[in-house]
Amino acid sequence: MPNTEQIRFQTDVCYIESQGILKTPESTLKLNLSEQYILSYLIDNYGNPVTKDELLKVGWPDRIVTEASLFQVIRALRVKLNEKKKGDVIETLPRVGYQIREFTRETINFQEEANLSPFKKIGKKTAIVSAIGLAAVGAGIGWMKYVPSHTPTNYIIEKDRIGSNDITIVTANADDLADLRSKVKELIKGQTKKYGKLVTQNERVYLLKTDEFYSAAWCAVDANHQCIKNTDFSYKIATDEWDKFANIVINNQKVYHETPVIQTEYAREPTAVVYTSYIDKSGIRSKVMHYFMTPTDNKGIFDYSLMSFIKDPDSGNFRALAISASKAYVENRESQFLQTIKIEPEMFHWAYQPSPDYDEKESLALKHTCHFECQSSDKRSYYNYVVYKQPNLLLMLNEFTGFFWNSTSQGDPSISYSDYFSGLVPDEKNKTDK
């Protein structure tokens, strides 16, 4: 292949216009046509302000769209270009439009890249991590993949009120946002058609879409808009199983907490308990996680571990899945959410044994747990975000597993999980660099 040009932005993301892709050392991302048209036009007009009307014509040459479509593309590009602050790459010019910031032009040789072996392309370290993951997980789940995270994810967040329900949609790109918007409309239409009205009332609802799954979390709220005890629940849904989840919502078949009985030699009360239901083809329907947190001598830093269990489809008993230990840091940084919690893995152990009752390749529960195993193997940090909190209840968002509610200790207030994350600012001078 001949040499070609790439544009390198200040965020170290490169745009290869001839292929319509963005590249980083870790990933390659294909832009949709509107994103390509708009980004290329901004680059071609470097140094000159570009009006919204110009970009509307450029981005959608064959149809008429509103400014809302342009805003969604600009927001999506900011995410994909890894802007840490709004305007790092695409600068907004009030009452004018937009302008691209500084960049450099580079020449790359695709022939040399094509001649690299697969292991050279992904890098020696990644190859080693993959080998560790395959060997450690063993029979049934060596197929799972992991992409390490270095910085908190920048999400697109949209809030709406439908009837008496508060809806929050969180996605990483505009296409997923449009997909979830459409699905919410279908749910409302389906329930209204069945009952003659929207019967879902007074709920706080959160939705997420990733490449691998949908995540849905909700709770019923009281007159003060606080979640009512034991009404918090979350689903993880395989991308091809959305219709099953839609039927649950449309038919108003609410599912709340079970009361799992888990026998374990560990008598200590967990700091928080998470209960999640899965909709996939694996046969694993639900998972329970016990979180344990202990403050360390350093402010805002905690010993953080969890035990997880999956429900047997026949007996209804919960069998051990995995145990892990980490350090948790309350990040003192500006965040899209209430707080950002950085998790640095220290140990992971599988307790799961392959079973003919499960199709492991279809299991989101196993795939999500494998992320923690791979993070521990590579000593890579990841992030949890506090999305909503009230006394003894937190809604968290994890980059790899979606939303989950933490029902926190009702006993000793000194180990209340939500209290730990109330107004804490870590003592940076005591934090050990890893």
Protein backbone atom coordinates (compact mmCIF):
# COMPACT_ATOMS: atom_id res chain seq x y z
CA MET A 1 0.00 0.00 0.00
CA PRO A 2 1.24 3.55 -0.64
CA ASN A 3 1.99 6.08 2.04
CA THR A 4 -0.97 7.99 3.38
CA GLU A 5 -1.56 10.94 5.71
CA GLN A 6 -2.87 11.01 9.21
CA ILE A 7 -3.81 13.97 11.37
CA ARG A 8 -2.51 13.83 14.96
CA PHE A 9 -4.44 15.91 17.48
CA GLN A 10 -3.18 17.19 20.82
CA THR A 11 -4.96 14.27 22.54
CA ASP A 12 -2.69 11.83 20.60
CA VAL A 13 -5.68 10.52 18.66
CA CYS A 14 -4.94 10.22 14.94
CA TYR A 15 -7.45 10.67 12.11
CA ILE A 16 -6.84 8.81 8.85
CA GLU A 17 -9.18 10.63 6.51
CA SER A 18 -8.76 8.22 3.58
CA GLN A 19 -10.20 5.43 5.74
CA GLY A 20 -12.50 7.47 7.97
CA ILE A 21 -10.96 6.07 11.15
CA LEU A 22 -9.56 7.35 14.44
CA LYS A 23 -6.57 5.49 15.89
CA THR A 24 -4.87 5.33 19.27
CA PRO A 25 -2.19 2.86 20.39
CA GLU A 26 -4.99 0.76 21.94
CA SER A 27 -7.83 0.95 19.43
CA THR A 28 -9.17 1.78 15.99
CA LEU A 29 -12.59 3.40 15.63
CA LYS A 30 -14.60 3.87 12.43
CA LEU A 31 -16.48 7.19 12.21
CA ASN A 32 -19.92 7.38 10.64
CA LEU A 33 -20.29 9.49 7.49
CA SER A 34 -21.59 12.62 9.19
CA GLU A 35 -18.71 12.52 11.68
CA GLN A 36 -16.20 12.08 8.82
CA TYR A 37 -17.67 14.93 6.78
CA ILE A 38 -17.72 17.36 9.70
CA LEU A 39 -14.28 16.50 11.09
CA SER A 40 -12.68 16.70 7.62
CA TYR A 41 -14.35 20.05 6.93
CA LEU A 42 -13.11 21.50 10.20
CA ILE A 43 -9.57 20.30 9.37
CA ASP A 44 -9.74 21.74 5.84
CA ASN A 45 -10.78 25.09 7.33
CA TYR A 46 -8.13 25.15 10.05
CA GLY A 47 -7.65 28.70 11.33
CA ASN A 48 -11.09 29.82 10.17
CA PRO A 49 -14.37 29.72 12.11
CA VAL A 50 -16.97 27.38 10.62
CA THR A 51 -20.65 28.22 11.09
CA LYS A 52 -23.31 25.76 12.20
CA ASP A 53 -25.17 26.23 8.91
CA GLU A 54 -22.05 25.21 6.99
CA LEU A 55 -21.63 22.07 9.06
CA LEU A 56 -25.32 21.13 8.73
CA LYS A 57 -24.94 21.22 4.93
CA VAL A 58 -21.63 19.36 5.01
CA GLY A 59 -22.66 16.69 7.50
CA TRP A 60 -25.99 15.85 5.87
CA PRO A 61 -25.70 16.78 2.19
CA ASP A 62 -28.75 14.77 1.14
CA ARG A 63 -31.26 15.86 3.77
CA ILE A 64 -32.35 18.61 6.14
CA VAL A 65 -31.69 18.12 9.86
CA THR A 66 -31.89 20.35 12.93
CA GLU A 67 -29.04 21.75 15.00
CA ALA A 68 -29.71 18.97 17.54
CA SER A 69 -28.19 16.49 15.06
CA LEU A 70 -25.09 18.65 14.75
CA PHE A 71 -24.74 18.96 18.52
CA GLN A 72 -24.91 15.16 18.85
CA VAL A 73 -22.14 14.68 16.26
CA ILE A 74 -19.92 17.29 17.91
CA ARG A 75 -20.46 15.65 21.31
CA ALA A 76 -19.69 12.22 19.85
CA LEU A 77 -16.51 13.52 18.21
CA ARG A 78 -15.37 15.05 21.49
CA VAL A 79 -15.72 11.64 23.15
CA LYS A 80 -13.99 9.77 20.34
CA LEU A 81 -11.17 12.33 20.17
CA ASN A 82 -10.54 11.80 23.91
CA GLU A 83 -11.11 15.43 24.87
CA LYS A 84 -10.37 15.74 28.58
CA LYS A 85 -11.77 19.26 28.58
CA LYS A 86 -14.37 20.60 26.21
CA GLY A 87 -12.50 22.37 23.43
CA ASP A 88 -9.23 20.42 23.56
CA VAL A 89 -9.70 19.53 19.88
CA ILE A 90 -12.94 21.17 18.71
CA GLU A 91 -13.33 24.71 20.00
CA THR A 92 -16.82 26.18 20.38
CA LEU A 93 -17.11 29.79 19.19
CA PRO A 94 -20.16 31.34 20.88
CA ARG A 95 -22.77 32.66 18.43
CA VAL A 96 -20.51 31.63 15.53
CA GLY A 97 -19.84 27.91 15.30
CA TYR A 98 -16.74 25.75 15.72
CA GLN A 99 -13.04 25.70 14.95
CA ILE A 100 -10.44 22.94 15.02
CA ARG A 101 -7.41 23.41 17.27
CA GLU A 102 -3.77 22.76 16.41
CA PHE A 103 -2.77 19.44 14.86
CA THR A 104 0.14 17.93 12.97
CA ARG A 105 0.18 16.09 9.65
CA GLU A 106 2.11 12.82 9.50
CA THR A 107 2.88 10.29 6.79
CA ILE A 108 2.40 6.61 7.57
CA ASN A 109 3.26 3.49 5.60
CA PHE A 110 0.47 0.92 5.65
CA GLN A 111 2.64 -1.64 3.90
CA GLU A 112 4.96 -1.84 6.89
CA GLU A 113 2.00 -2.16 9.23
CA ALA A 114 0.45 -4.90 7.09
CA ASN A 115 3.68 -6.91 7.26
CA LEU A 116 3.63 -7.01 11.04
CA SER A 117 2.62 -10.28 12.65
CA PRO A 118 -0.52 -10.21 14.81
CA PHE A 119 1.63 -10.31 17.96
CA LYS A 120 3.72 -7.34 16.79
CA LYS A 121 0.57 -5.39 16.00
CA ILE A 122 -0.98 -5.80 19.43
CA GLY A 123 2.32 -5.42 21.24
CA LYS A 124 4.31 -7.78 23.43
CA LYS A 125 2.68 -6.70 26.68
CA THR A 126 -0.84 -7.22 25.38
CA ALA A 127 0.10 -10.65 24.06
CA ILE A 128 1.45 -11.64 27.47
CA VAL A 129 -1.68 -10.38 29.21
CA SER A 130 -3.87 -12.37 26.80
CA ALA A 131 -1.83 -15.51 27.47
CA ILE A 132 -2.14 -15.05 31.22
CA GLY A 133 -5.89 -14.58 30.92
CA LEU A 134 -6.34 -17.70 28.79
CA ALA A 135 -4.25 -19.87 31.05
CA ALA A 136 -5.77 -18.66 34.29
CA VAL A 137 -9.44 -18.73 33.35
CA GLY A 138 -9.21 -22.16 31.74
CA ALA A 139 -12.01 -24.32 30.37
CA GLY A 140 -15.14 -22.59 29.22
CA ILE A 141 -14.14 -18.92 29.51
CA GLY A 142 -10.78 -18.40 27.77
CA TRP A 143 -12.63 -16.69 24.90
CA MET A 144 -13.30 -13.47 26.80
CA LYS A 145 -11.49 -10.25 25.87
CA TYR A 146 -10.23 -7.30 27.87
CA VAL A 147 -9.25 -3.80 26.83
CA PRO A 148 -7.31 -1.99 29.57
CA SER A 149 -8.38 1.45 30.72
CA HIS A 150 -6.00 4.30 31.49
CA THR A 151 -8.29 7.26 32.13
CA PRO A 152 -11.94 7.68 33.12
CA THR A 153 -14.37 7.26 30.26
CA ASN A 154 -16.07 10.40 28.97
CA TYR A 155 -19.77 9.66 28.46
CA ILE A 156 -22.69 11.35 26.75
CA ILE A 157 -25.41 11.82 29.39
CA GLU A 158 -28.99 12.75 28.58
CA LYS A 159 -31.76 13.25 31.15
CA ASP A 160 -35.49 13.37 30.49
CA ARG A 161 -38.73 13.25 32.45
CA ILE A 162 -41.48 11.04 31.05
CA GLY A 163 -44.70 11.25 33.03
CA SER A 164 -43.60 10.92 36.66
CA ASN A 165 -40.44 9.01 35.74
CA ASP A 166 -36.90 10.43 35.58
CA ILE A 167 -34.90 8.80 32.77
CA THR A 168 -31.10 9.04 32.48
CA ILE A 169 -29.36 7.66 29.38
CA VAL A 170 -25.58 7.16 29.41
CA THR A 171 -23.62 6.19 26.28
CA ALA A 172 -20.15 6.57 24.82
CA ASN A 173 -21.32 7.79 21.41
CA ALA A 174 -24.22 9.47 19.62
CA ASP A 175 -25.28 6.32 17.73
CA ASP A 176 -25.88 4.42 20.99
CA LEU A 177 -27.71 7.43 22.39
CA ALA A 178 -30.07 7.45 19.40
CA ASP A 179 -30.61 3.70 19.78
CA LEU A 180 -31.61 3.99 23.44
CA ARG A 181 -33.85 6.97 22.76
CA SER A 182 -35.66 4.87 20.17
CA LYS A 183 -35.99 1.94 22.54
CA VAL A 184 -37.43 4.12 25.31
CA LYS A 185 -40.07 5.38 22.88
CA GLU A 186 -40.93 1.79 21.92
CA LEU A 187 -41.31 0.81 25.60
CA ILE A 188 -43.64 3.74 26.27
CA LYS A 189 -45.65 3.02 23.13
CA GLY A 190 -45.91 -0.70 23.96
CA GLN A 191 -47.04 -0.16 27.55
CA THR A 192 -49.53 2.55 26.57
CA LYS A 193 -50.99 0.32 23.85
CA LYS A 194 -51.40 -2.60 26.28
CA TYR A 195 -52.89 -0.72 29.25
CA GLY A 196 -54.23 2.44 27.67
CA LYS A 197 -51.77 4.49 29.73
CA LEU A 198 -48.22 4.50 31.03
CA VAL A 199 -48.38 2.32 34.14
CA THR A 200 -44.73 2.72 35.05
CA GLN A 201 -44.88 5.62 37.47
CA ASN A 202 -42.63 7.36 39.99
CA GLU A 203 -39.42 5.60 39.02
CA ARG A 204 -35.82 6.65 38.68
CA VAL A 205 -34.50 4.85 35.58
CA TYR A 206 -30.95 4.57 34.19
CA LEU A 207 -30.00 3.04 30.84
CA LEU A 208 -26.60 2.29 29.28
CA LYS A 209 -25.57 0.73 25.99
CA THR A 210 -22.11 -0.65 25.16
CA ASP A 211 -20.87 -2.81 22.28
CA GLU A 212 -21.48 -5.94 24.36
CA PHE A 213 -24.63 -5.34 26.38
CA TYR A 214 -27.38 -3.07 27.64
CA SER A 215 -27.57 -2.13 31.31
CA ALA A 216 -30.77 -0.98 33.02
CA ALA A 217 -31.23 0.09 36.63
CA TRP A 218 -34.22 1.58 38.39
CA CYS A 219 -35.92 2.17 41.71
CA ALA A 220 -39.36 3.35 42.80
CA VAL A 221 -39.22 6.77 44.45
CA ASP A 222 -41.19 8.37 47.28
CA ALA A 223 -42.60 11.89 47.52
CA ASN A 224 -39.08 13.19 48.23
CA HIS A 225 -37.72 11.47 45.09
CA GLN A 226 -35.68 9.06 47.22
CA CYS A 227 -35.49 5.38 46.31
CA ILE A 228 -37.87 3.22 48.32
CA LYS A 229 -36.19 0.40 50.20
CA ASN A 230 -35.76 -2.86 48.26
CA THR A 231 -37.13 -1.45 44.99
CA ASP A 232 -33.68 -0.94 43.47
CA PHE A 233 -32.83 -3.41 40.75
CA SER A 234 -30.59 -3.81 37.72
CA TYR A 235 -30.49 -5.88 34.54
CA LYS A 236 -27.66 -6.73 32.19
CA ILE A 237 -29.04 -7.60 28.76
CA ALA A 238 -27.20 -9.17 25.82
CA THR A 239 -27.46 -6.97 22.73
CA ASP A 240 -29.58 -9.57 20.88
CA GLU A 241 -31.89 -10.16 23.87
CA TRP A 242 -33.40 -6.70 24.26
CA ASP A 243 -36.88 -7.90 23.24
CA LYS A 244 -37.06 -10.14 26.33
CA PHE A 245 -36.30 -7.19 28.56
CA ALA A 246 -38.79 -5.03 26.65
CA ASN A 247 -41.54 -7.58 27.35
CA ILE A 248 -40.79 -7.40 31.09
CA VAL A 249 -41.12 -3.61 31.06
CA ILE A 250 -44.15 -3.44 28.75
CA ASN A 251 -46.01 -6.07 30.81
CA ASN A 252 -45.03 -4.29 34.04
CA GLN A 253 -43.48 -7.46 35.43
CA LYS A 254 -41.33 -5.75 38.01
CA VAL A 255 -38.58 -7.77 39.61
CA TYR A 256 -37.05 -6.60 42.87
CA HIS A 257 -34.63 -7.99 45.39
CA GLU A 258 -34.51 -11.65 46.15
CA THR A 259 -33.25 -12.74 49.54
CA PRO A 260 -30.40 -15.06 48.61
CA VAL A 261 -29.16 -17.47 51.24
CA ILE A 262 -25.41 -17.84 50.85
CA GLN A 263 -23.51 -20.16 53.12
CA THR A 264 -19.88 -19.22 53.51
CA GLU A 265 -17.16 -19.58 56.11
CA TYR A 266 -16.75 -15.81 56.00
CA ALA A 267 -18.99 -14.57 58.82
CA ARG A 268 -18.19 -10.89 58.47
CA GLU A 269 -21.08 -8.72 57.31
CA PRO A 270 -20.41 -7.26 53.85
CA THR A 271 -20.23 -3.50 53.54
CA ALA A 272 -22.56 -3.63 50.55
CA VAL A 273 -24.58 -6.21 48.62
CA VAL A 274 -25.30 -6.09 44.89
CA TYR A 275 -27.98 -8.18 43.19
CA THR A 276 -28.11 -8.26 39.38
CA SER A 277 -30.25 -10.16 36.88
CA TYR A 278 -28.96 -11.26 33.47
CA ILE A 279 -30.85 -11.75 30.22
CA ASP A 280 -28.74 -13.82 27.83
CA LYS A 281 -28.60 -17.37 26.46
CA SER A 282 -26.21 -18.74 29.09
CA GLY A 283 -28.61 -20.15 31.70
CA ILE A 284 -27.06 -17.93 34.40
CA ARG A 285 -29.91 -15.71 35.50
CA SER A 286 -28.55 -13.71 38.42
CA LYS A 287 -25.50 -12.84 40.43
CA VAL A 288 -24.93 -11.58 43.98
CA MET A 289 -21.81 -9.69 45.02
CA HIS A 290 -20.66 -8.99 48.56
CA TYR A 291 -18.45 -5.92 48.83
CA PHE A 292 -16.09 -5.35 51.75
CA MET A 293 -14.42 -2.00 52.43
CA THR A 294 -11.99 -1.08 55.18
CA PRO A 295 -10.45 2.38 55.59
CA THR A 296 -6.66 2.50 55.49
CA ASP A 297 -4.41 4.92 57.34
CA ASN A 298 -4.56 7.27 54.35
CA LYS A 299 -7.64 9.43 53.89
CA GLY A 300 -9.74 8.49 50.89
CA ILE A 301 -7.97 5.13 50.34
CA PHE A 302 -9.62 1.81 51.18
CA ASP A 303 -8.98 -1.90 51.12
CA TYR A 304 -11.65 -3.03 48.69
CA SER A 305 -12.64 -6.62 47.98
CA LEU A 306 -15.62 -8.57 46.71
CA MET A 307 -17.02 -12.08 46.61
CA SER A 308 -19.45 -12.99 43.85
CA PHE A 309 -21.94 -15.84 43.48
CA ILE A 310 -24.16 -17.04 40.61
CA LYS A 311 -27.56 -18.67 40.94
CA ASP A 312 -28.00 -22.32 39.99
CA PRO A 313 -30.96 -22.48 37.55
CA ASP A 314 -32.28 -25.77 38.96
CA SER A 315 -31.71 -25.69 42.73
CA GLY A 316 -31.94 -21.93 43.18
CA ASN A 317 -28.82 -22.03 45.35
CA PHE A 318 -25.95 -19.61 44.82
CA ARG A 319 -22.54 -21.06 44.01
CA ALA A 320 -19.24 -19.20 44.43
CA LEU A 321 -17.94 -17.43 41.33
CA ALA A 322 -14.85 -15.42 42.28
CA ILE A 323 -13.11 -13.39 44.95
CA SER A 324 -10.88 -10.35 44.46
CA ALA A 325 -9.01 -7.74 46.48
CA SER A 326 -8.08 -4.19 45.46
CA LYS A 327 -7.28 -0.71 46.67
CA ALA A 328 -9.94 1.96 46.12
CA TYR A 329 -9.11 5.66 45.83
CA VAL A 330 -11.60 8.50 45.97
CA GLU A 331 -10.41 10.63 43.03
CA ASN A 332 -10.17 14.35 43.68
CA ARG A 333 -11.03 15.37 40.13
CA GLU A 334 -13.80 17.03 38.20
CA SER A 335 -16.20 14.31 37.10
CA GLN A 336 -19.37 13.88 35.06
CA PHE A 337 -20.77 12.00 38.04
CA LEU A 338 -21.00 12.58 41.78
CA GLN A 339 -17.65 10.93 42.41
CA THR A 340 -15.00 8.89 40.64
CA ILE A 341 -13.52 5.86 42.40
CA LYS A 342 -10.26 4.48 41.04
CA ILE A 343 -9.79 0.75 41.67
CA GLU A 344 -6.30 -0.76 41.62
CA PRO A 345 -6.50 -4.60 41.58
CA GLU A 346 -4.22 -6.65 43.79
CA MET A 347 -5.56 -10.22 43.72
CA PHE A 348 -8.15 -12.31 41.88
CA HIS A 349 -9.19 -15.95 42.31
CA TRP A 350 -11.73 -17.98 40.33
CA ALA A 351 -13.98 -20.31 42.33
CA TYR A 352 -16.17 -21.09 39.30
CA GLN A 353 -16.15 -24.59 37.84
CA PRO A 354 -17.42 -25.28 34.30
CA SER A 355 -20.93 -26.70 34.26
CA PRO A 356 -23.04 -28.42 31.56
CA ASP A 357 -25.94 -26.27 32.80
CA TYR A 358 -24.36 -23.13 31.39
CA ASP A 359 -23.35 -21.89 27.96
CA GLU A 360 -20.32 -19.95 29.15
CA LYS A 361 -19.70 -18.24 25.81
CA GLU A 362 -23.08 -16.53 26.10
CA SER A 363 -22.71 -15.46 29.73
CA LEU A 364 -22.43 -11.77 30.57
CA ALA A 365 -21.91 -12.70 34.24
CA LEU A 366 -18.76 -14.67 33.41
CA LYS A 367 -17.57 -12.17 30.84
CA HIS A 368 -17.90 -9.31 33.31
CA THR A 369 -16.09 -11.26 36.01
CA CYS A 370 -13.31 -12.03 33.54
CA HIS A 371 -12.68 -8.31 33.18
CA PHE A 372 -11.72 -8.20 36.86
CA GLU A 373 -9.45 -11.22 36.43
CA CYS A 374 -7.68 -9.63 33.46
CA GLN A 375 -7.32 -6.32 35.26
CA SER A 376 -5.77 -8.09 38.21
CA SER A 377 -3.39 -10.07 35.98
CA ASP A 378 -2.14 -6.90 34.31
CA LYS A 379 -2.36 -4.72 37.45
CA ARG A 380 -4.41 -2.22 35.45
CA SER A 381 -6.69 0.21 37.24
CA TYR A 382 -10.32 0.77 36.34
CA TYR A 383 -13.03 3.17 37.45
CA ASN A 384 -16.35 3.08 39.25
CA TYR A 385 -18.54 6.16 39.18
CA VAL A 386 -21.06 7.19 41.84
CA VAL A 387 -24.14 8.09 39.79
CA TYR A 388 -26.70 8.49 42.59
CA LYS A 389 -26.54 8.19 46.36
CA GLN A 390 -28.75 8.39 49.41
CA PRO A 391 -28.28 6.93 52.91
CA ASN A 392 -27.42 3.22 52.63
CA LEU A 393 -27.86 3.12 48.86
CA LEU A 394 -25.53 3.95 45.97
CA LEU A 395 -25.95 3.56 42.23
CA MET A 396 -22.57 2.84 40.68
CA LEU A 397 -21.46 2.66 37.05
CA ASN A 398 -18.56 0.41 36.10
CA GLU A 399 -16.85 0.80 32.74
CA PHE A 400 -17.16 -2.90 31.92
CA THR A 401 -20.25 -4.16 33.74
CA GLY A 402 -22.71 -1.26 33.64
CA PHE A 403 -24.97 -0.02 36.44
CA PHE A 404 -25.25 -1.72 39.81
CA TRP A 405 -26.93 -0.73 43.07
CA ASN A 406 -25.00 -1.02 46.32
CA SER A 407 -27.35 -1.73 49.22
CA THR A 408 -25.14 -0.72 52.10
CA SER A 409 -24.84 -1.81 55.70
CA GLN A 410 -27.86 -1.07 57.87
CA GLY A 411 -25.97 -2.01 61.02
CA ASP A 412 -22.73 -0.44 62.15
CA PRO A 413 -22.69 3.08 60.67
CA SER A 414 -18.89 3.07 60.78
CA ILE A 415 -18.85 0.66 57.85
CA SER A 416 -21.56 2.33 55.80
CA TYR A 417 -20.37 2.26 52.21
CA SER A 418 -22.23 5.45 51.29
CA ASP A 419 -20.75 7.26 54.30
CA TYR A 420 -17.28 6.43 53.03
CA PHE A 421 -17.96 8.35 49.83
CA SER A 422 -19.58 11.40 51.41
CA GLY A 423 -17.42 14.48 50.97
CA LEU A 424 -14.13 12.63 50.95
CA VAL A 425 -11.12 14.24 49.34
CA PRO A 426 -8.07 11.96 49.18
CA ASP A 427 -4.86 13.04 50.78
CA GLU A 428 -2.68 13.18 47.66
CA LYS A 429 0.59 13.45 49.53
CA ASN A 430 -0.08 10.09 51.24
CA LYS A 431 -1.12 8.29 48.07
CA THR A 432 1.50 5.90 46.76
CA ASP A 433 2.18 6.14 43.04
CA LYS A 434 1.77 2.83 41.34
